[in-house]
Protein backbone atom coordinates (compact mmCIF):
# COMPACT_ATOMS: atom_id res chain seq x y z
CA MET A 1 18.81 -154.33 93.50
CA GLY A 2 22.47 -155.92 92.30
CA LYS A 3 24.95 -156.15 89.79
CA GLU A 4 22.10 -158.62 87.90
CA ASP A 5 21.14 -157.60 84.72
CA LEU A 6 17.31 -155.32 85.17
CA THR A 7 14.94 -155.43 82.15
CA LYS A 8 12.30 -152.94 81.16
CA ASP A 9 9.33 -154.59 83.12
CA ASP A 10 11.90 -154.98 86.47
CA VAL A 11 12.34 -151.06 86.08
CA ALA A 12 8.68 -150.61 85.72
CA SER A 13 8.06 -152.20 88.66
CA LEU A 14 10.88 -150.14 90.55
CA LEU A 15 9.56 -147.30 89.10
CA ASP A 16 6.17 -148.62 90.41
CA ALA A 17 7.38 -148.81 93.78
CA VAL A 18 9.12 -145.89 94.20
CA GLU A 19 5.45 -144.15 93.47
CA LYS A 20 3.89 -146.20 96.13
CA GLN A 21 6.24 -145.75 98.50
CA LEU A 22 6.10 -141.36 98.05
CA ASN A 23 2.37 -141.28 97.91
CA GLU A 24 2.26 -143.97 101.33
CA LYS A 25 5.50 -141.71 103.69
CA ASP A 26 5.98 -137.57 103.30
CA ASP A 27 9.52 -138.67 104.35
CA SER A 28 10.45 -141.49 101.62
CA TYR A 29 11.68 -138.91 98.87
CA LEU A 30 15.44 -139.28 100.07
CA HIS A 31 15.29 -142.78 99.64
CA ALA A 32 13.10 -142.53 96.01
CA MET A 33 15.23 -140.24 94.69
CA LEU A 34 18.34 -142.84 95.97
CA ALA A 35 16.05 -145.20 93.60
CA LEU A 36 15.38 -143.20 91.02
CA ASP A 37 19.80 -141.98 90.56
CA ARG A 38 20.69 -145.76 90.60
CA VAL A 39 18.54 -146.59 87.60
CA PHE A 40 19.72 -143.52 85.95
CA THR A 41 23.41 -144.41 86.11
CA MET A 42 22.73 -148.15 85.62
CA PRO A 43 24.44 -149.63 82.90
CA GLY A 44 22.25 -149.41 79.16
CA ALA A 45 19.59 -147.18 81.33
CA GLN A 46 19.23 -145.73 78.31
CA ASN A 47 17.83 -149.05 76.75
CA LEU A 48 15.31 -149.39 79.75
CA LEU A 49 13.50 -146.53 80.23
CA ASP A 50 11.16 -146.76 77.60
CA ALA A 51 8.59 -143.85 76.92
CA SER A 52 6.48 -144.94 79.78
CA SER A 53 9.48 -145.24 82.02
CA ARG A 54 10.88 -141.91 81.69
CA ALA A 55 7.09 -140.26 82.38
CA LYS A 56 6.20 -141.91 85.41
CA ALA A 57 9.89 -141.37 85.66
CA ARG A 58 10.04 -137.60 85.18
CA GLU A 59 6.30 -137.47 87.20
CA LEU A 60 8.10 -139.14 90.46
CA TRP A 61 11.41 -136.56 89.71
CA ASP A 62 8.84 -133.67 89.95
CA LYS A 63 7.47 -134.76 92.80
CA ILE A 64 10.42 -135.15 94.83
CA LYS A 65 11.46 -131.52 93.49
CA SER A 66 7.63 -130.32 95.43
CA ARG A 67 8.84 -131.19 98.10
CA GLY A 68 11.52 -128.96 98.62
CA VAL A 69 14.67 -131.21 97.81
CA HIS A 70 16.70 -129.22 95.48
CA LEU A 71 17.63 -131.26 92.66
CA SER A 72 18.82 -130.38 88.79
CA ASP A 73 17.02 -132.55 86.31
CA PRO A 74 18.93 -135.33 84.78
CA PRO A 75 19.14 -135.68 80.95
CA ILE A 76 18.29 -139.14 81.18
CA ILE A 77 14.72 -138.36 81.63
CA PHE A 78 14.50 -134.82 80.74
CA GLY A 79 16.54 -134.19 77.83
């Protein structure tokens, strides 16, 4: 992801790619967490995360936490 503007579809595609990576590799949680953090902190993130994307992001975040990674829940998806 560069500095270009992302759309809701781009974010949904990114979340799908993160989910696929987490399902295929046990050691991909760090990369997944970094990708999610990038989405959560980008300008306009609130507007890019619709209800479906928020739900998927919460599911992925919880999956990362279930692997033993100690994370604080980001308000953008848990608030």
